[in-house]
Every structure is written in structure tokens, then in C-alpha cells.
Amino acid sequence: MQKNIATLVSSLIFALMATATAQAQYVWLNDKGIKQYSDTPPPRSVPADRIIKSPGGKSANSTHASPSSTTPATETSGKSELAKIEKPKTLANKIEDFNKRKIAKEEAEKKEEAEQQNKEVKAKNCERAKNYKQSLDEGGLIMTRSKEGERIPMDEAQRNKEMQEAKKVLEECKQQ
């Protein structure tokens, strides 16, 4: 009977020792905002407001500073600094960010492709306008179609009007 009691008492003592050492952990945020776990205190360069947990459940302020030296204003500023530090992202957040970047990249590529096609179309139109103006300048016979579909030669008034329109198009091409 005494042997069982001795075994029970020694088991309880061992269990208490194991839990006491397990609670002797410090948790703080490093410069990059990543949680650090250790059984030794953080370096002195770590500000008190970045220490999340000290052994025995003590708060960060009670480990490094006396309670009389901290005011409510400094405690709230410490909390706001902790809030500013970005928490590590979960896998779901990383996947969501990746998908957002992928969609943005695809949209940018589509936009760039559309702009490239637009530039090509404008270049072809400018080339056509240049060739048309050259044909008008040469003074050769140019045939047009009437409303009935018959081919009729272009008169001087119509030629001058077409020449002005071609010049406007070429001016727009030069501006781009």
C-alpha cells in the first residue's frame, strides 16, 4: 500500500515538474512580425510591447517594466503597434492572394494585347490613308459608286473634300 502511495506521489511530482517546465515559455514577435517561441527570455533589444507571453502567464509589461512605470497610454500604444504588425498568412490567404495576382496579371496581359491590336489597326489605317492621299495627289482618274451602284468618275470638288479628310487622318496618325 505504501509502495502504491509512493508511486502515486512521485508520479504527481513528476507531472507537476513537467507542466512547470512546459509553462516556462516566452512568446514574442521578431522584427519581421513572426512569432518566436523559447524557454529563455527574448533578447533585450526586443521591446516589451512585442512580448506576447512570459512564464506563468505574466503579461509582457510585467516582465520587463514595473507596473508603476507603464501608463494606460503606453499600453494602448503598444497594442496598436501589435495590431500594425502583419500576422503570418494562412495557406488559404496565400492561395487567395496568388489567385488575385494571377487574375490581375491575366487582365493586364489582355489589356496589353488589346492595345497592341489597336496599335496595329491604327498603323494599317494610317498606311491606307497615306496611300489614298498619294492616289489623290497623282491626279489620276478615280472612280466612285453612285447610289444606284454605277461607277462614276470623281469630280474636283469631291477630290478636294477627300483630300482634306485624308490630311486630317494623317495628322491624327502623326500625333499618335
N, C-alpha and C. Protein backbone atom coordinates (compact mmCIF):
# COMPACT_ATOMS: atom_id res chain seq x y z
N MET A 1 0.82 -1.19 0.00
CA MET A 1 0.00 0.00 0.00
C MET A 1 0.86 1.25 0.00
N GLN A 2 1.89 1.25 0.86
CA GLN A 2 2.77 2.41 0.90
C GLN A 2 3.55 2.55 -0.40
N LYS A 3 3.81 1.43 -1.04
CA LYS A 3 4.53 1.47 -2.32
C LYS A 3 3.65 2.15 -3.38
N ASN A 4 2.36 1.84 -3.37
CA ASN A 4 1.43 2.46 -4.32
C ASN A 4 1.31 3.96 -4.07
N ILE A 5 1.26 4.35 -2.81
CA ILE A 5 1.17 5.77 -2.46
C ILE A 5 2.44 6.49 -2.89
N ALA A 6 3.59 5.87 -2.65
CA ALA A 6 4.87 6.47 -3.04
C ALA A 6 4.93 6.63 -4.56
N THR A 7 4.46 5.64 -5.28
CA THR A 7 4.45 5.70 -6.74
C THR A 7 3.50 6.81 -7.21
N LEU A 8 2.35 6.90 -6.59
CA LEU A 8 1.38 7.92 -6.93
C LEU A 8 1.92 9.32 -6.66
N VAL A 9 2.55 9.51 -5.50
CA VAL A 9 3.12 10.81 -5.13
C VAL A 9 4.25 11.18 -6.09
N SER A 10 5.12 10.23 -6.39
CA SER A 10 6.23 10.53 -7.30
C SER A 10 5.71 10.83 -8.70
N SER A 11 4.65 10.17 -9.13
CA SER A 11 4.05 10.45 -10.44
C SER A 11 3.47 11.86 -10.47
N LEU A 12 2.80 12.27 -9.40
CA LEU A 12 2.24 13.61 -9.33
C LEU A 12 3.34 14.67 -9.35
N ILE A 13 4.41 14.42 -8.59
CA ILE A 13 5.52 15.37 -8.57
C ILE A 13 6.14 15.48 -9.96
N PHE A 14 6.34 14.36 -10.61
CA PHE A 14 6.90 14.36 -11.96
C PHE A 14 5.99 15.12 -12.93
N ALA A 15 4.68 14.90 -12.83
CA ALA A 15 3.72 15.58 -13.70
C ALA A 15 3.74 17.08 -13.46
N LEU A 16 3.82 17.50 -12.20
CA LEU A 16 3.88 18.92 -11.89
C LEU A 16 5.17 19.55 -12.42
N MET A 17 6.27 18.82 -12.33
CA MET A 17 7.54 19.35 -12.84
C MET A 17 7.48 19.50 -14.36
N ALA A 18 6.87 18.53 -15.02
CA ALA A 18 6.77 18.57 -16.47
C ALA A 18 5.91 19.75 -16.92
N THR A 19 4.79 19.99 -16.23
CA THR A 19 3.94 21.11 -16.62
C THR A 19 4.57 22.44 -16.26
N ALA A 20 5.35 22.48 -15.20
CA ALA A 20 6.01 23.73 -14.82
C ALA A 20 7.02 24.13 -15.87
N THR A 21 7.77 23.16 -16.40
CA THR A 21 8.75 23.50 -17.44
C THR A 21 8.05 23.82 -18.75
N ALA A 22 6.92 23.20 -19.01
CA ALA A 22 6.19 23.49 -20.25
C ALA A 22 5.62 24.90 -20.22
N GLN A 23 5.27 25.41 -19.05
CA GLN A 23 4.73 26.76 -18.96
C GLN A 23 5.82 27.82 -18.99
N ALA A 24 7.05 27.43 -18.79
CA ALA A 24 8.14 28.40 -18.77
C ALA A 24 8.56 28.71 -20.21
N GLN A 25 7.63 29.28 -20.96
CA GLN A 25 7.93 29.65 -22.33
C GLN A 25 7.65 31.12 -22.55
N TYR A 26 8.48 31.70 -23.40
CA TYR A 26 8.31 33.08 -23.81
C TYR A 26 7.83 33.07 -25.26
N VAL A 27 6.94 33.98 -25.57
CA VAL A 27 6.46 34.16 -26.94
C VAL A 27 6.56 35.64 -27.26
N TRP A 28 7.21 35.98 -28.37
CA TRP A 28 7.34 37.37 -28.78
C TRP A 28 7.38 37.44 -30.30
N LEU A 29 7.20 38.65 -30.81
CA LEU A 29 7.25 38.89 -32.25
C LEU A 29 8.61 39.46 -32.60
N ASN A 30 9.24 38.88 -33.62
CA ASN A 30 10.53 39.41 -34.04
C ASN A 30 10.32 40.63 -34.95
N ASP A 31 11.40 41.15 -35.52
CA ASP A 31 11.33 42.36 -36.34
C ASP A 31 10.45 42.18 -37.57
N LYS A 32 10.34 40.94 -38.07
CA LYS A 32 9.55 40.67 -39.27
C LYS A 32 8.10 40.35 -38.94
N GLY A 33 7.74 40.34 -37.64
CA GLY A 33 6.37 40.06 -37.24
C GLY A 33 6.08 38.58 -37.08
N ILE A 34 7.10 37.74 -37.03
CA ILE A 34 6.92 36.30 -36.88
C ILE A 34 7.03 35.94 -35.42
N LYS A 35 6.13 35.07 -34.95
CA LYS A 35 6.15 34.66 -33.55
C LYS A 35 7.38 33.80 -33.28
N GLN A 36 8.03 34.09 -32.17
CA GLN A 36 9.18 33.32 -31.71
C GLN A 36 8.83 32.66 -30.39
N TYR A 37 9.16 31.39 -30.24
CA TYR A 37 8.90 30.64 -29.01
C TYR A 37 10.24 30.22 -28.43
N SER A 38 10.38 30.39 -27.10
CA SER A 38 11.63 29.99 -26.46
C SER A 38 11.40 29.79 -24.98
N ASP A 39 12.28 28.99 -24.35
CA ASP A 39 12.21 28.83 -22.91
C ASP A 39 13.15 29.80 -22.22
N THR A 40 13.89 30.57 -23.01
CA THR A 40 14.74 31.63 -22.46
C THR A 40 14.13 32.97 -22.82
N PRO A 41 14.39 33.99 -22.01
CA PRO A 41 13.80 35.31 -22.31
C PRO A 41 14.28 35.83 -23.67
N PRO A 42 13.48 36.67 -24.30
CA PRO A 42 13.89 37.25 -25.58
C PRO A 42 15.07 38.19 -25.37
N PRO A 43 15.80 38.51 -26.42
CA PRO A 43 16.92 39.45 -26.29
C PRO A 43 16.43 40.80 -25.77
N ARG A 44 17.32 41.54 -25.14
CA ARG A 44 16.95 42.83 -24.57
C ARG A 44 16.55 43.84 -25.65
N SER A 45 16.96 43.59 -26.88
CA SER A 45 16.62 44.51 -27.97
C SER A 45 15.14 44.42 -28.36
N VAL A 46 14.45 43.36 -27.92
CA VAL A 46 13.02 43.21 -28.22
C VAL A 46 12.23 44.11 -27.29
N PRO A 47 11.42 45.04 -27.83
CA PRO A 47 10.63 45.92 -26.97
C PRO A 47 9.60 45.12 -26.17
N ALA A 48 9.25 45.65 -25.02
CA ALA A 48 8.32 44.96 -24.12
C ALA A 48 6.95 44.79 -24.76
N ASP A 49 6.55 45.70 -25.63
CA ASP A 49 5.22 45.59 -26.22
C ASP A 49 5.14 44.49 -27.28
N ARG A 50 6.27 43.92 -27.68
CA ARG A 50 6.26 42.82 -28.64
C ARG A 50 6.28 41.45 -27.96
N ILE A 51 6.44 41.43 -26.64
CA ILE A 51 6.43 40.17 -25.91
C ILE A 51 4.97 39.80 -25.65
N ILE A 52 4.56 38.66 -26.17
CA ILE A 52 3.17 38.24 -26.07
C ILE A 52 2.93 37.46 -24.79
N LYS A 53 3.86 36.56 -24.43
CA LYS A 53 3.66 35.71 -23.26
C LYS A 53 4.99 35.50 -22.55
N SER A 54 4.91 35.52 -21.21
CA SER A 54 6.06 35.23 -20.36
C SER A 54 5.70 34.04 -19.48
N PRO A 55 6.67 33.42 -18.80
CA PRO A 55 6.37 32.26 -17.96
C PRO A 55 5.33 32.59 -16.89
N GLY A 56 4.48 31.63 -16.62
CA GLY A 56 3.46 31.79 -15.58
C GLY A 56 2.30 32.65 -16.03
N GLY A 57 2.18 32.94 -17.31
CA GLY A 57 1.07 33.73 -17.81
C GLY A 57 1.19 35.20 -17.52
N LYS A 58 2.37 35.67 -17.14
CA LYS A 58 2.57 37.09 -16.87
C LYS A 58 2.50 37.85 -18.19
N SER A 59 2.02 39.09 -18.11
CA SER A 59 1.93 39.89 -19.32
C SER A 59 3.31 40.41 -19.68
N ALA A 60 3.42 40.93 -20.88
CA ALA A 60 4.70 41.42 -21.35
C ALA A 60 5.20 42.59 -20.53
N ASN A 61 4.31 43.48 -20.12
CA ASN A 61 4.73 44.66 -19.39
C ASN A 61 5.24 44.33 -17.99
N SER A 62 4.71 43.28 -17.36
CA SER A 62 5.13 42.97 -16.00
C SER A 62 6.50 42.29 -15.99
N THR A 63 6.96 41.75 -17.11
CA THR A 63 8.26 41.10 -17.11
C THR A 63 9.40 42.10 -17.25
N HIS A 64 9.22 43.07 -18.12
CA HIS A 64 10.32 43.99 -18.40
C HIS A 64 10.22 45.32 -17.67
N ALA A 65 9.05 45.71 -17.22
CA ALA A 65 8.91 47.01 -16.58
C ALA A 65 8.02 46.88 -15.36
N SER A 66 8.22 47.76 -14.43
CA SER A 66 7.39 47.72 -13.23
C SER A 66 6.01 48.26 -13.55
N PRO A 67 4.97 47.82 -12.84
CA PRO A 67 3.61 48.27 -13.16
C PRO A 67 3.44 49.76 -13.00
N SER A 68 4.20 50.40 -12.12
CA SER A 68 4.03 51.84 -11.92
C SER A 68 4.60 52.64 -13.08
N SER A 69 5.55 52.07 -13.83
CA SER A 69 6.17 52.83 -14.91
C SER A 69 5.34 52.82 -16.18
N THR A 70 4.42 51.87 -16.32
CA THR A 70 3.60 51.85 -17.53
C THR A 70 2.29 52.55 -17.26
N THR A 71 1.90 53.38 -18.20
CA THR A 71 0.64 54.10 -18.08
C THR A 71 -0.34 53.52 -19.07
N PRO A 72 -1.61 53.77 -18.91
CA PRO A 72 -2.59 53.26 -19.88
C PRO A 72 -2.31 53.75 -21.29
N ALA A 73 -1.76 54.94 -21.43
CA ALA A 73 -1.47 55.46 -22.77
C ALA A 73 -0.41 54.62 -23.46
N THR A 74 0.64 54.23 -22.73
CA THR A 74 1.68 53.41 -23.35
C THR A 74 1.18 52.01 -23.62
N GLU A 75 0.28 51.52 -22.80
CA GLU A 75 -0.26 50.19 -23.04
C GLU A 75 -1.11 50.18 -24.30
N THR A 76 -1.90 51.21 -24.51
CA THR A 76 -2.73 51.25 -25.72
C THR A 76 -1.87 51.45 -26.95
N SER A 77 -0.79 52.22 -26.83
CA SER A 77 0.08 52.39 -27.99
C SER A 77 0.79 51.09 -28.32
N GLY A 78 1.13 50.31 -27.29
CA GLY A 78 1.75 49.01 -27.52
C GLY A 78 0.79 48.07 -28.23
N LYS A 79 -0.48 48.12 -27.86
CA LYS A 79 -1.47 47.28 -28.52
C LYS A 79 -1.66 47.70 -29.97
N SER A 80 -1.62 49.01 -30.22
CA SER A 80 -1.79 49.46 -31.59
C SER A 80 -0.59 49.06 -32.45
N GLU A 81 0.60 49.04 -31.84
CA GLU A 81 1.77 48.60 -32.59
C GLU A 81 1.67 47.12 -32.91
N LEU A 82 1.16 46.33 -31.97
CA LEU A 82 0.97 44.90 -32.23
C LEU A 82 -0.06 44.69 -33.33
N ALA A 83 -1.06 45.54 -33.36
CA ALA A 83 -2.09 45.41 -34.39
C ALA A 83 -1.53 45.76 -35.76
N LYS A 84 -0.55 46.67 -35.81
CA LYS A 84 0.04 47.06 -37.08
C LYS A 84 0.90 45.95 -37.68
N ILE A 85 1.47 45.11 -36.82
CA ILE A 85 2.34 44.04 -37.30
C ILE A 85 1.48 43.00 -38.00
N GLU A 86 1.88 42.67 -39.21
CA GLU A 86 1.10 41.73 -40.00
C GLU A 86 1.27 40.32 -39.46
N LYS A 87 0.15 39.65 -39.27
CA LYS A 87 0.18 38.29 -38.77
C LYS A 87 0.57 37.35 -39.91
N PRO A 88 1.18 36.23 -39.59
CA PRO A 88 1.53 35.27 -40.64
C PRO A 88 0.28 34.82 -41.40
N LYS A 89 0.43 34.66 -42.69
CA LYS A 89 -0.70 34.31 -43.53
C LYS A 89 -0.94 32.80 -43.49
N THR A 90 -2.20 32.45 -43.56
CA THR A 90 -2.56 31.04 -43.63
C THR A 90 -2.45 30.59 -45.08
N LEU A 91 -2.52 29.30 -45.29
CA LEU A 91 -2.43 28.75 -46.64
C LEU A 91 -3.58 29.26 -47.51
N ALA A 92 -4.76 29.36 -46.92
CA ALA A 92 -5.91 29.86 -47.68
C ALA A 92 -5.69 31.31 -48.11
N ASN A 93 -5.12 32.12 -47.22
CA ASN A 93 -4.83 33.52 -47.57
C ASN A 93 -3.79 33.60 -48.67
N LYS A 94 -2.77 32.73 -48.59
CA LYS A 94 -1.73 32.73 -49.62
C LYS A 94 -2.31 32.33 -50.97
N ILE A 95 -3.19 31.33 -50.97
CA ILE A 95 -3.81 30.89 -52.22
C ILE A 95 -4.70 32.00 -52.79
N GLU A 96 -5.45 32.65 -51.91
CA GLU A 96 -6.32 33.76 -52.34
C GLU A 96 -5.48 34.89 -52.94
N ASP A 97 -4.38 35.25 -52.30
CA ASP A 97 -3.50 36.29 -52.82
C ASP A 97 -2.92 35.88 -54.17
N PHE A 98 -2.52 34.61 -54.28
CA PHE A 98 -1.97 34.12 -55.54
C PHE A 98 -3.00 34.23 -56.66
N ASN A 99 -4.23 33.82 -56.37
CA ASN A 99 -5.29 33.89 -57.38
C ASN A 99 -5.58 35.33 -57.78
N LYS A 100 -5.55 36.25 -56.81
CA LYS A 100 -5.76 37.67 -57.13
C LYS A 100 -4.65 38.18 -58.05
N ARG A 101 -3.40 37.82 -57.72
CA ARG A 101 -2.28 38.25 -58.57
C ARG A 101 -2.38 37.65 -59.96
N LYS A 102 -2.80 36.38 -60.03
CA LYS A 102 -2.93 35.70 -61.32
C LYS A 102 -4.00 36.38 -62.18
N ILE A 103 -5.14 36.69 -61.58
CA ILE A 103 -6.23 37.35 -62.32
C ILE A 103 -5.78 38.73 -62.78
N ALA A 104 -5.10 39.47 -61.90
CA ALA A 104 -4.62 40.81 -62.27
C ALA A 104 -3.62 40.72 -63.42
N LYS A 105 -2.75 39.71 -63.37
CA LYS A 105 -1.76 39.54 -64.43
C LYS A 105 -2.45 39.21 -65.75
N GLU A 106 -3.44 38.30 -65.71
CA GLU A 106 -4.17 37.95 -66.93
C GLU A 106 -4.90 39.15 -67.51
N GLU A 107 -5.52 39.95 -66.65
CA GLU A 107 -6.21 41.15 -67.13
C GLU A 107 -5.23 42.14 -67.75
N ALA A 108 -4.07 42.28 -67.12
CA ALA A 108 -3.05 43.19 -67.67
C ALA A 108 -2.57 42.68 -69.03
N GLU A 109 -2.39 41.37 -69.16
CA GLU A 109 -1.96 40.80 -70.44
C GLU A 109 -3.03 41.01 -71.52
N LYS A 110 -4.31 40.81 -71.15
CA LYS A 110 -5.40 41.03 -72.11
C LYS A 110 -5.45 42.49 -72.54
N LYS A 111 -5.28 43.38 -71.58
CA LYS A 111 -5.31 44.81 -71.88
C LYS A 111 -4.15 45.17 -72.80
N GLU A 112 -2.97 44.63 -72.51
CA GLU A 112 -1.80 44.91 -73.33
C GLU A 112 -1.98 44.36 -74.74
N GLU A 113 -2.57 43.16 -74.84
CA GLU A 113 -2.81 42.55 -76.14
C GLU A 113 -3.81 43.38 -76.94
N ALA A 114 -4.86 43.86 -76.28
CA ALA A 114 -5.86 44.70 -76.96
C ALA A 114 -5.22 46.00 -77.43
N GLU A 115 -4.37 46.59 -76.60
CA GLU A 115 -3.68 47.82 -77.00
C GLU A 115 -2.78 47.56 -78.20
N GLN A 116 -2.10 46.42 -78.21
CA GLN A 116 -1.22 46.08 -79.31
C GLN A 116 -2.02 45.91 -80.60
N GLN A 117 -3.16 45.22 -80.52
CA GLN A 117 -4.01 45.06 -81.70
C GLN A 117 -4.54 46.41 -82.17
N ASN A 118 -4.89 47.27 -81.23
CA ASN A 118 -5.39 48.61 -81.57
C ASN A 118 -4.30 49.40 -82.30
N LYS A 119 -3.06 49.29 -81.82
CA LYS A 119 -1.95 49.98 -82.48
C LYS A 119 -1.76 49.46 -83.90
N GLU A 120 -1.87 48.14 -84.08
CA GLU A 120 -1.70 47.56 -85.41
C GLU A 120 -2.79 48.03 -86.36
N VAL A 121 -4.03 48.09 -85.88
CA VAL A 121 -5.15 48.55 -86.71
C VAL A 121 -4.93 50.02 -87.09
N LYS A 122 -4.51 50.83 -86.12
CA LYS A 122 -4.26 52.25 -86.41
C LYS A 122 -3.14 52.40 -87.42
N ALA A 123 -2.10 51.59 -87.30
CA ALA A 123 -0.98 51.67 -88.24
C ALA A 123 -1.45 51.31 -89.65
N LYS A 124 -2.29 50.27 -89.77
CA LYS A 124 -2.82 49.89 -91.09
C LYS A 124 -3.69 51.00 -91.66
N ASN A 125 -4.53 51.59 -90.82
CA ASN A 125 -5.39 52.68 -91.28
C ASN A 125 -4.56 53.88 -91.73
N CYS A 126 -3.51 54.18 -91.01
CA CYS A 126 -2.64 55.29 -91.40
C CYS A 126 -1.97 55.00 -92.74
N GLU A 127 -1.54 53.76 -92.93
CA GLU A 127 -0.91 53.38 -94.20
C GLU A 127 -1.92 53.50 -95.35
N ARG A 128 -3.15 53.08 -95.11
CA ARG A 128 -4.19 53.19 -96.14
C ARG A 128 -4.47 54.66 -96.47
N ALA A 129 -4.54 55.50 -95.44
CA ALA A 129 -4.80 56.93 -95.66
C ALA A 129 -3.66 57.56 -96.45
N LYS A 130 -2.44 57.15 -96.14
CA LYS A 130 -1.27 57.67 -96.85
C LYS A 130 -1.33 57.28 -98.33
N ASN A 131 -1.65 56.02 -98.59
CA ASN A 131 -1.74 55.55 -99.98
C ASN A 131 -2.90 56.24 -100.72
N TYR A 132 -4.02 56.44 -100.04
CA TYR A 132 -5.18 57.09 -100.65
C TYR A 132 -4.86 58.54 -100.99
N LYS A 133 -4.18 59.24 -100.07
CA LYS A 133 -3.80 60.63 -100.33
C LYS A 133 -2.84 60.70 -101.51
N GLN A 134 -1.93 59.73 -101.56
CA GLN A 134 -0.98 59.71 -102.67
C GLN A 134 -1.72 59.51 -104.01
N SER A 135 -2.71 58.65 -104.00
CA SER A 135 -3.52 58.44 -105.22
C SER A 135 -4.25 59.72 -105.61
N LEU A 136 -4.78 60.43 -104.61
CA LEU A 136 -5.47 61.69 -104.90
C LEU A 136 -4.50 62.74 -105.42
N ASP A 137 -3.27 62.78 -104.87
CA ASP A 137 -2.27 63.77 -105.30
C ASP A 137 -1.82 63.53 -106.74
N GLU A 138 -1.77 62.29 -107.16
CA GLU A 138 -1.28 61.98 -108.51
C GLU A 138 -2.22 62.51 -109.59
N GLY A 139 -3.46 62.72 -109.22
CA GLY A 139 -4.40 63.32 -110.18
C GLY A 139 -4.96 62.35 -111.18
N GLY A 140 -4.76 61.09 -111.02
CA GLY A 140 -5.33 60.11 -111.94
C GLY A 140 -6.83 60.01 -111.77
N LEU A 141 -7.44 59.29 -112.69
CA LEU A 141 -8.88 59.12 -112.67
C LEU A 141 -9.25 58.16 -111.54
N ILE A 142 -10.12 58.63 -110.64
CA ILE A 142 -10.59 57.80 -109.53
C ILE A 142 -12.08 57.64 -109.70
N MET A 143 -12.51 56.39 -109.64
CA MET A 143 -13.92 56.07 -109.84
C MET A 143 -14.58 55.83 -108.48
N THR A 144 -15.83 56.30 -108.37
CA THR A 144 -16.62 56.04 -107.17
C THR A 144 -17.93 55.40 -107.60
N ARG A 145 -18.72 55.00 -106.64
CA ARG A 145 -20.01 54.38 -106.95
C ARG A 145 -21.13 55.35 -106.57
N SER A 146 -22.11 55.41 -107.42
CA SER A 146 -23.29 56.24 -107.14
C SER A 146 -24.24 55.46 -106.25
N LYS A 147 -25.34 56.12 -105.87
CA LYS A 147 -26.34 55.46 -105.02
C LYS A 147 -26.97 54.27 -105.73
N GLU A 148 -27.03 54.34 -107.04
CA GLU A 148 -27.61 53.24 -107.82
C GLU A 148 -26.61 52.12 -108.05
N GLY A 149 -25.35 52.35 -107.69
CA GLY A 149 -24.32 51.33 -107.86
C GLY A 149 -23.52 51.47 -109.13
N GLU A 150 -23.74 52.55 -109.87
CA GLU A 150 -22.99 52.78 -111.10
C GLU A 150 -21.65 53.42 -110.78
N ARG A 151 -20.66 53.11 -111.59
CA ARG A 151 -19.33 53.71 -111.41
C ARG A 151 -19.30 55.05 -112.13
N ILE A 152 -18.88 56.07 -111.35
CA ILE A 152 -18.79 57.41 -111.93
C ILE A 152 -17.44 58.00 -111.54
N PRO A 153 -16.86 58.85 -112.42
CA PRO A 153 -15.56 59.46 -112.07
C PRO A 153 -15.73 60.53 -110.99
N MET A 154 -14.69 60.66 -110.15
CA MET A 154 -14.71 61.64 -109.06
C MET A 154 -14.42 63.02 -109.63
N ASP A 155 -15.25 64.02 -109.29
CA ASP A 155 -15.03 65.38 -109.78
C ASP A 155 -14.07 66.11 -108.84
N GLU A 156 -13.65 67.33 -109.22
CA GLU A 156 -12.64 68.09 -108.46
C GLU A 156 -13.12 68.45 -107.06
N ALA A 157 -14.37 68.82 -106.90
CA ALA A 157 -14.89 69.20 -105.58
C ALA A 157 -14.83 68.00 -104.63
N GLN A 158 -15.25 66.86 -105.14
CA GLN A 158 -15.21 65.66 -104.32
C GLN A 158 -13.76 65.26 -104.02
N ARG A 159 -12.88 65.43 -105.02
CA ARG A 159 -11.46 65.10 -104.83
C ARG A 159 -10.86 65.98 -103.73
N ASN A 160 -11.17 67.29 -103.74
CA ASN A 160 -10.66 68.20 -102.71
C ASN A 160 -11.18 67.82 -101.31
N LYS A 161 -12.46 67.46 -101.26
CA LYS A 161 -13.05 67.05 -99.99
C LYS A 161 -12.35 65.80 -99.45
N GLU A 162 -12.16 64.81 -100.32
CA GLU A 162 -11.47 63.57 -99.92
C GLU A 162 -10.02 63.86 -99.51
N MET A 163 -9.39 64.80 -100.19
CA MET A 163 -8.01 65.18 -99.87
C MET A 163 -7.94 65.78 -98.47
N GLN A 164 -8.89 66.65 -98.11
CA GLN A 164 -8.91 67.26 -96.78
C GLN A 164 -9.11 66.19 -95.70
N GLU A 165 -10.01 65.25 -95.95
CA GLU A 165 -10.25 64.18 -94.98
C GLU A 165 -9.01 63.30 -94.80
N ALA A 166 -8.33 63.01 -95.89
CA ALA A 166 -7.11 62.19 -95.81
C ALA A 166 -6.03 62.93 -95.03
N LYS A 167 -5.94 64.27 -95.23
CA LYS A 167 -4.95 65.05 -94.48
C LYS A 167 -5.26 65.02 -92.98
N LYS A 168 -6.54 65.12 -92.62
CA LYS A 168 -6.93 65.07 -91.20
C LYS A 168 -6.53 63.73 -90.58
N VAL A 169 -6.79 62.66 -91.30
CA VAL A 169 -6.44 61.32 -90.79
C VAL A 169 -4.92 61.21 -90.62
N LEU A 170 -4.17 61.73 -91.58
CA LEU A 170 -2.70 61.66 -91.48
C LEU A 170 -2.18 62.52 -90.33
N GLU A 171 -2.83 63.65 -90.06
CA GLU A 171 -2.43 64.48 -88.92
C GLU A 171 -2.65 63.73 -87.60
N GLU A 172 -3.78 63.02 -87.52
CA GLU A 172 -4.05 62.22 -86.32
C GLU A 172 -3.01 61.12 -86.16
N CYS A 173 -2.59 60.56 -87.29
CA CYS A 173 -1.57 59.50 -87.23
C CYS A 173 -0.24 60.05 -86.72
N LYS A 174 0.09 61.27 -87.11
CA LYS A 174 1.35 61.88 -86.66
C LYS A 174 1.33 62.19 -85.17
N GLN A 175 0.15 62.52 -84.64
CA GLN A 175 0.04 62.86 -83.22
C GLN A 175 0.18 61.63 -82.33
N GLN A 176 -0.10 60.48 -82.86
CA GLN A 176 -0.06 59.27 -82.02
C GLN A 176 1.27 58.65 -82.00
